[in-house]
Amino acid sequence: MKKLSIGKLRPAKPGIDPHEAYITAMWLMFLRAPGRNTLPGEPVDLGEIGHVKEKDWERVTPYSPAEPLK
């Protein structure tokens, strides 16, 4: 299977780095959502259909694996 690069999908304008164009596109997608203020640590939906899944997991320490809530 041939590996696709960012520039192969749709070339950026001449003189523009395709990686910079991709980062800019992702930043613009991030800016359009969420449309409300969020709390620190609150899950954020970046425009997918549906709703934000409630947090149903926890960690004992920041470096431990996530475990389901009981």
PDB file of N, CA and C in Angstrom:
ATOM      1  N   MET A   1       0.849  -1.174   0.000  1.00  0.00           N
ATOM      2  CA  MET A   1       0.000   0.000   0.000  1.00  0.00           C
ATOM      3  C   MET A   1       0.893   1.236   0.000  1.00  0.00           C
ATOM      4  N   LYS A   2       0.579   2.191  -0.853  1.00  0.00           N
ATOM      5  CA  LYS A   2       1.377   3.394  -0.982  1.00  0.00           C
ATOM      6  C   LYS A   2       1.055   4.374   0.147  1.00  0.00           C
ATOM      7  N   LYS A   3       2.101   4.883   0.782  1.00  0.00           N
ATOM      8  CA  LYS A   3       1.915   5.839   1.864  1.00  0.00           C
ATOM      9  C   LYS A   3       1.601   7.215   1.277  1.00  0.00           C
ATOM     10  N   LEU A   4       0.523   7.825   1.755  1.00  0.00           N
ATOM     11  CA  LEU A   4       0.155   9.160   1.297  1.00  0.00           C
ATOM     12  C   LEU A   4       0.817  10.202   2.184  1.00  0.00           C
ATOM     13  N   SER A   5       1.236  11.274   1.593  1.00  0.00           N
ATOM     14  CA  SER A   5       1.755  12.383   2.375  1.00  0.00           C
ATOM     15  C   SER A   5       0.728  13.504   2.349  1.00  0.00           C
ATOM     16  N   ILE A   6       0.897  14.463   3.217  1.00  0.00           N
ATOM     17  CA  ILE A   6      -0.055  15.564   3.308  1.00  0.00           C
ATOM     18  C   ILE A   6      -0.157  16.289   1.970  1.00  0.00           C
ATOM     19  N   GLY A   7       0.970  16.528   1.319  1.00  0.00           N
ATOM     20  CA  GLY A   7       0.982  17.248   0.059  1.00  0.00           C
ATOM     21  C   GLY A   7       0.313  16.492  -1.079  1.00  0.00           C
ATOM     22  N   LYS A   8       0.205  15.173  -0.994  1.00  0.00           N
ATOM     23  CA  LYS A   8      -0.409  14.380  -2.065  1.00  0.00           C
ATOM     24  C   LYS A   8      -1.928  14.502  -2.053  1.00  0.00           C
ATOM     25  N   LEU A   9      -2.529  14.782  -0.893  1.00  0.00           N
ATOM     26  CA  LEU A   9      -3.979  14.862  -0.829  1.00  0.00           C
ATOM     27  C   LEU A   9      -4.494  16.063  -1.614  1.00  0.00           C
ATOM     28  N   ARG A  10      -3.930  17.215  -1.343  1.00  0.00           N
ATOM     29  CA  ARG A  10      -4.252  18.425  -2.100  1.00  0.00           C
ATOM     30  C   ARG A  10      -3.077  19.362  -1.909  1.00  0.00           C
ATOM     31  N   PRO A  11      -2.339  19.601  -2.954  1.00  0.00           N
ATOM     32  CA  PRO A  11      -1.127  20.397  -2.794  1.00  0.00           C
ATOM     33  C   PRO A  11      -1.412  21.791  -2.253  1.00  0.00           C
ATOM     34  N   ALA A  12      -0.539  22.251  -1.378  1.00  0.00           N
ATOM     35  CA  ALA A  12      -0.648  23.615  -0.876  1.00  0.00           C
ATOM     36  C   ALA A  12      -0.218  24.578  -1.979  1.00  0.00           C
ATOM     37  N   LYS A  13      -0.521  25.824  -1.782  1.00  0.00           N
ATOM     38  CA  LYS A  13      -0.114  26.832  -2.754  1.00  0.00           C
ATOM     39  C   LYS A  13       1.406  26.834  -2.873  1.00  0.00           C
ATOM     40  N   PRO A  14       1.921  27.175  -4.027  1.00  0.00           N
ATOM     41  CA  PRO A  14       3.379  27.216  -4.185  1.00  0.00           C
ATOM     42  C   PRO A  14       4.025  28.139  -3.152  1.00  0.00           C
ATOM     43  N   GLY A  15       5.126  27.686  -2.585  1.00  0.00           N
ATOM     44  CA  GLY A  15       5.838  28.478  -1.590  1.00  0.00           C
ATOM     45  C   GLY A  15       5.376  28.261  -0.171  1.00  0.00           C
ATOM     46  N   ILE A  16       4.314  27.460   0.036  1.00  0.00           N
ATOM     47  CA  ILE A  16       3.810  27.178   1.380  1.00  0.00           C
ATOM     48  C   ILE A  16       4.157  25.742   1.742  1.00  0.00           C
ATOM     49  N   ASP A  17       4.764  25.579   2.907  1.00  0.00           N
ATOM     50  CA  ASP A  17       5.119  24.246   3.386  1.00  0.00           C
ATOM     51  C   ASP A  17       3.836  23.454   3.648  1.00  0.00           C
ATOM     52  N   PRO A  18       3.684  22.253   3.081  1.00  0.00           N
ATOM     53  CA  PRO A  18       2.449  21.488   3.288  1.00  0.00           C
ATOM     54  C   PRO A  18       2.202  21.147   4.757  1.00  0.00           C
ATOM     55  N   HIS A  19       3.264  20.974   5.522  1.00  0.00           N
ATOM     56  CA  HIS A  19       3.077  20.672   6.944  1.00  0.00           C
ATOM     57  C   HIS A  19       2.524  21.894   7.688  1.00  0.00           C
ATOM     58  N   GLU A  20       2.994  23.088   7.336  1.00  0.00           N
ATOM     59  CA  GLU A  20       2.460  24.321   7.923  1.00  0.00           C
ATOM     60  C   GLU A  20       0.986  24.489   7.550  1.00  0.00           C
ATOM     61  N   ALA A  21       0.635  24.172   6.302  1.00  0.00           N
ATOM     62  CA  ALA A  21      -0.756  24.282   5.860  1.00  0.00           C
ATOM     63  C   ALA A  21      -1.642  23.323   6.656  1.00  0.00           C
ATOM     64  N   TYR A  22      -1.154  22.119   6.937  1.00  0.00           N
ATOM     65  CA  TYR A  22      -1.913  21.142   7.709  1.00  0.00           C
ATOM     66  C   TYR A  22      -2.114  21.623   9.145  1.00  0.00           C
ATOM     67  N   ILE A  23      -1.038  22.125   9.759  1.00  0.00           N
ATOM     68  CA  ILE A  23      -1.139  22.618  11.133  1.00  0.00           C
ATOM     69  C   ILE A  23      -2.121  23.787  11.206  1.00  0.00           C
ATOM     70  N   THR A  24      -2.075  24.671  10.237  1.00  0.00           N
ATOM     71  CA  THR A  24      -3.005  25.792  10.196  1.00  0.00           C
ATOM     72  C   THR A  24      -4.442  25.314  10.057  1.00  0.00           C
ATOM     73  N   ALA A  25      -4.675  24.313   9.215  1.00  0.00           N
ATOM     74  CA  ALA A  25      -6.025  23.764   9.041  1.00  0.00           C
ATOM     75  C   ALA A  25      -6.534  23.143  10.336  1.00  0.00           C
ATOM     76  N   MET A  26      -5.679  22.407  11.047  1.00  0.00           N
ATOM     77  CA  MET A  26      -6.092  21.804  12.314  1.00  0.00           C
ATOM     78  C   MET A  26      -6.391  22.884  13.357  1.00  0.00           C
ATOM     79  N   TRP A  27      -5.607  23.961  13.361  1.00  0.00           N
ATOM     80  CA  TRP A  27      -5.838  25.058  14.302  1.00  0.00           C
ATOM     81  C   TRP A  27      -7.186  25.720  14.014  1.00  0.00           C
ATOM     82  N   LEU A  28      -7.502  25.936  12.740  1.00  0.00           N
ATOM     83  CA  LEU A  28      -8.789  26.530  12.396  1.00  0.00           C
ATOM     84  C   LEU A  28      -9.952  25.625  12.801  1.00  0.00           C
ATOM     85  N   MET A  29      -9.792  24.308  12.671  1.00  0.00           N
ATOM     86  CA  MET A  29     -10.840  23.378  13.109  1.00  0.00           C
ATOM     87  C   MET A  29     -11.012  23.451  14.620  1.00  0.00           C
ATOM     88  N   PHE A  30      -9.904  23.594  15.355  1.00  0.00           N
ATOM     89  CA  PHE A  30      -9.976  23.689  16.808  1.00  0.00           C
ATOM     90  C   PHE A  30     -10.681  24.973  17.234  1.00  0.00           C
ATOM     91  N   LEU A  31     -10.413  26.076  16.528  1.00  0.00           N
ATOM     92  CA  LEU A  31     -11.000  27.357  16.912  1.00  0.00           C
ATOM     93  C   LEU A  31     -12.519  27.395  16.757  1.00  0.00           C
ATOM     94  N   ARG A  32     -13.065  26.589  15.857  1.00  0.00           N
ATOM     95  CA  ARG A  32     -14.518  26.646  15.645  1.00  0.00           C
ATOM     96  C   ARG A  32     -15.299  25.907  16.726  1.00  0.00           C
ATOM     97  N   ALA A  33     -14.632  25.160  17.590  1.00  0.00           N
ATOM     98  CA  ALA A  33     -15.312  24.431  18.658  1.00  0.00           C
ATOM     99  C   ALA A  33     -14.394  24.389  19.861  1.00  0.00           C
ATOM    100  N   PRO A  34     -14.824  24.361  21.049  1.00  0.00           N
ATOM    101  CA  PRO A  34     -16.214  24.419  21.478  1.00  0.00           C
ATOM    102  C   PRO A  34     -16.731  25.855  21.471  1.00  0.00           C
ATOM    103  N   GLY A  35     -18.025  25.987  21.431  1.00  0.00           N
ATOM    104  CA  GLY A  35     -18.635  27.303  21.411  1.00  0.00           C
ATOM    105  C   GLY A  35     -18.985  27.811  22.793  1.00  0.00           C
ATOM    106  N   ARG A  36     -18.542  27.119  23.811  1.00  0.00           N
ATOM    107  CA  ARG A  36     -18.831  27.541  25.176  1.00  0.00           C
ATOM    108  C   ARG A  36     -17.559  27.393  26.003  1.00  0.00           C
ATOM    109  N   ASN A  37     -17.539  28.075  27.139  1.00  0.00           N
ATOM    110  CA  ASN A  37     -16.384  27.949  28.029  1.00  0.00           C
ATOM    111  C   ASN A  37     -16.370  26.566  28.641  1.00  0.00           C
ATOM    112  N   THR A  38     -15.194  25.994  28.795  1.00  0.00           N
ATOM    113  CA  THR A  38     -15.069  24.667  29.388  1.00  0.00           C
ATOM    114  C   THR A  38     -14.270  24.752  30.675  1.00  0.00           C
ATOM    115  N   LEU A  39     -14.481  23.795  31.545  1.00  0.00           N
ATOM    116  CA  LEU A  39     -13.755  23.716  32.802  1.00  0.00           C
ATOM    117  C   LEU A  39     -12.437  22.991  32.584  1.00  0.00           C
ATOM    118  N   PRO A  40     -11.440  23.226  33.436  1.00  0.00           N
ATOM    119  CA  PRO A  40     -10.182  22.486  33.299  1.00  0.00           C
ATOM    120  C   PRO A  40     -10.419  20.982  33.408  1.00  0.00           C
ATOM    121  N   GLY A  41      -9.888  20.230  32.477  1.00  0.00           N
ATOM    122  CA  GLY A  41     -10.037  18.781  32.489  1.00  0.00           C
ATOM    123  C   GLY A  41     -11.330  18.265  31.889  1.00  0.00           C
ATOM    124  N   GLU A  42     -12.228  19.149  31.493  1.00  0.00           N
ATOM    125  CA  GLU A  42     -13.508  18.730  30.905  1.00  0.00           C
ATOM    126  C   GLU A  42     -13.287  18.235  29.481  1.00  0.00           C
ATOM    127  N   PRO A  43     -13.898  17.107  29.115  1.00  0.00           N
ATOM    128  CA  PRO A  43     -13.757  16.636  27.726  1.00  0.00           C
ATOM    129  C   PRO A  43     -14.344  17.658  26.759  1.00  0.00           C
ATOM    130  N   VAL A  44     -13.724  17.806  25.610  1.00  0.00           N
ATOM    131  CA  VAL A  44     -14.170  18.779  24.624  1.00  0.00           C
ATOM    132  C   VAL A  44     -14.507  18.049  23.331  1.00  0.00           C
ATOM    133  N   ASP A  45     -15.680  18.333  22.788  1.00  0.00           N
ATOM    134  CA  ASP A  45     -16.103  17.768  21.514  1.00  0.00           C
ATOM    135  C   ASP A  45     -15.666  18.717  20.416  1.00  0.00           C
ATOM    136  N   LEU A  46     -14.849  18.258  19.490  1.00  0.00           N
ATOM    137  CA  LEU A  46     -14.345  19.123  18.430  1.00  0.00           C
ATOM    138  C   LEU A  46     -15.184  19.028  17.159  1.00  0.00           C
ATOM    139  N   GLY A  47     -16.485  18.901  17.306  1.00  0.00           N
ATOM    140  CA  GLY A  47     -17.357  18.973  16.156  1.00  0.00           C
ATOM    141  C   GLY A  47     -17.862  17.643  15.643  1.00  0.00           C
ATOM    142  N   GLU A  48     -17.596  16.555  16.350  1.00  0.00           N
ATOM    143  CA  GLU A  48     -18.106  15.273  15.903  1.00  0.00           C
ATOM    144  C   GLU A  48     -19.598  15.192  16.194  1.00  0.00           C
ATOM    145  N   ILE A  49     -20.289  14.368  15.453  1.00  0.00           N
ATOM    146  CA  ILE A  49     -21.726  14.211  15.640  1.00  0.00           C
ATOM    147  C   ILE A  49     -21.963  13.452  16.938  1.00  0.00           C
ATOM    148  N   GLY A  50     -22.927  13.902  17.706  1.00  0.00           N
ATOM    149  CA  GLY A  50     -23.248  13.244  18.966  1.00  0.00           C
ATOM    150  C   GLY A  50     -22.930  14.149  20.140  1.00  0.00           C
ATOM    151  N   HIS A  51     -22.587  13.539  21.261  1.00  0.00           N
ATOM    152  CA  HIS A  51     -22.299  14.320  22.457  1.00  0.00           C
ATOM    153  C   HIS A  51     -20.978  13.850  23.063  1.00  0.00           C
ATOM    154  N   VAL A  52     -20.489  14.637  23.993  1.00  0.00           N
ATOM    155  CA  VAL A  52     -19.239  14.303  24.663  1.00  0.00           C
ATOM    156  C   VAL A  52     -19.506  13.172  25.651  1.00  0.00           C
ATOM    157  N   LYS A  53     -18.704  12.126  25.573  1.00  0.00           N
ATOM    158  CA  LYS A  53     -18.858  10.984  26.469  1.00  0.00           C
ATOM    159  C   LYS A  53     -18.472  11.392  27.886  1.00  0.00           C
ATOM    160  N   GLU A  54     -19.291  10.982  28.848  1.00  0.00           N
ATOM    161  CA  GLU A  54     -18.989  11.249  30.248  1.00  0.00           C
ATOM    162  C   GLU A  54     -17.746  10.479  30.661  1.00  0.00           C
ATOM    163  N   LYS A  55     -16.990  11.038  31.576  1.00  0.00           N
ATOM    164  CA  LYS A  55     -15.780  10.373  32.058  1.00  0.00           C
ATOM    165  C   LYS A  55     -16.201   9.153  32.877  1.00  0.00           C
ATOM    166  N   ASP A  56     -15.844   7.962  32.410  1.00  0.00           N
ATOM    167  CA  ASP A  56     -16.212   6.730  33.105  1.00  0.00           C
ATOM    168  C   ASP A  56     -14.968   5.941  33.496  1.00  0.00           C
ATOM    169  N   TRP A  57     -13.883   6.656  33.743  1.00  0.00           N
ATOM    170  CA  TRP A  57     -12.635   6.015  34.104  1.00  0.00           C
ATOM    171  C   TRP A  57     -11.889   6.899  35.105  1.00  0.00           C
ATOM    172  N   GLU A  58     -10.903   6.305  35.763  1.00  0.00           N
ATOM    173  CA  GLU A  58     -10.083   7.064  36.692  1.00  0.00           C
ATOM    174  C   GLU A  58      -8.672   6.496  36.714  1.00  0.00           C
ATOM    175  N   ARG A  59      -7.753   7.252  37.252  1.00  0.00           N
ATOM    176  CA  ARG A  59      -6.374   6.812  37.419  1.00  0.00           C
ATOM    177  C   ARG A  59      -5.982   6.981  38.876  1.00  0.00           C
ATOM    178  N   VAL A  60      -5.241   6.025  39.412  1.00  0.00           N
ATOM    179  CA  VAL A  60      -4.777   6.111  40.783  1.00  0.00           C
ATOM    180  C   VAL A  60      -3.689   7.181  40.876  1.00  0.00           C
ATOM    181  N   THR A  61      -2.776   7.193  39.921  1.00  0.00           N
ATOM    182  CA  THR A  61      -1.736   8.216  39.824  1.00  0.00           C
ATOM    183  C   THR A  61      -1.745   8.731  38.390  1.00  0.00           C
ATOM    184  N   PRO A  62      -1.106   9.836  38.126  1.00  0.00           N
ATOM    185  CA  PRO A  62      -1.091  10.345  36.755  1.00  0.00           C
ATOM    186  C   PRO A  62      -0.437   9.393  35.759  1.00  0.00           C
ATOM    187  N   TYR A  63       0.394   8.482  36.236  1.00  0.00           N
ATOM    188  CA  TYR A  63       1.118   7.575  35.331  1.00  0.00           C
ATOM    189  C   TYR A  63       0.546   6.168  35.297  1.00  0.00           C
ATOM    190  N   SER A  64      -0.504   5.916  36.069  1.00  0.00           N
ATOM    191  CA  SER A  64      -1.090   4.581  36.069  1.00  0.00           C
ATOM    192  C   SER A  64      -2.099   4.448  34.926  1.00  0.00           C
ATOM    193  N   PRO A  65      -2.366   3.210  34.495  1.00  0.00           N
ATOM    194  CA  PRO A  65      -3.345   3.014  33.420  1.00  0.00           C
ATOM    195  C   PRO A  65      -4.752   3.411  33.873  1.00  0.00           C
ATOM    196  N   ALA A  66      -5.561   3.833  32.941  1.00  0.00           N
ATOM    197  CA  ALA A  66      -6.942   4.183  33.260  1.00  0.00           C
ATOM    198  C   ALA A  66      -7.725   2.926  33.572  1.00  0.00           C
ATOM    199  N   GLU A  67      -8.580   3.029  34.588  1.00  0.00           N
ATOM    200  CA  GLU A  67      -9.436   1.901  34.991  1.00  0.00           C
ATOM    201  C   GLU A  67     -10.875   2.375  35.028  1.00  0.00           C
ATOM    202  N   PRO A  68     -11.827   1.499  34.674  1.00  0.00           N
ATOM    203  CA  PRO A  68     -13.242   1.895  34.702  1.00  0.00           C
ATOM    204  C   PRO A  68     -13.688   2.243  36.123  1.00  0.00           C
ATOM    205  N   LEU A  69     -14.606   3.200  36.227  1.00  0.00           N
ATOM    206  CA  LEU A  69     -15.191   3.518  37.533  1.00  0.00           C
ATOM    207  C   LEU A  69     -16.067   2.365  37.978  1.00  0.00           C
ATOM    208  N   LYS A  70     -16.141   2.165  39.264  1.00  0.00           N
ATOM    209  CA  LYS A  70     -16.956   1.055  39.772  1.00  0.00           C
ATOM    210  C   LYS A  70     -18.306   1.500  40.195  1.00  0.00           C
TER     211      LYS A  70
END
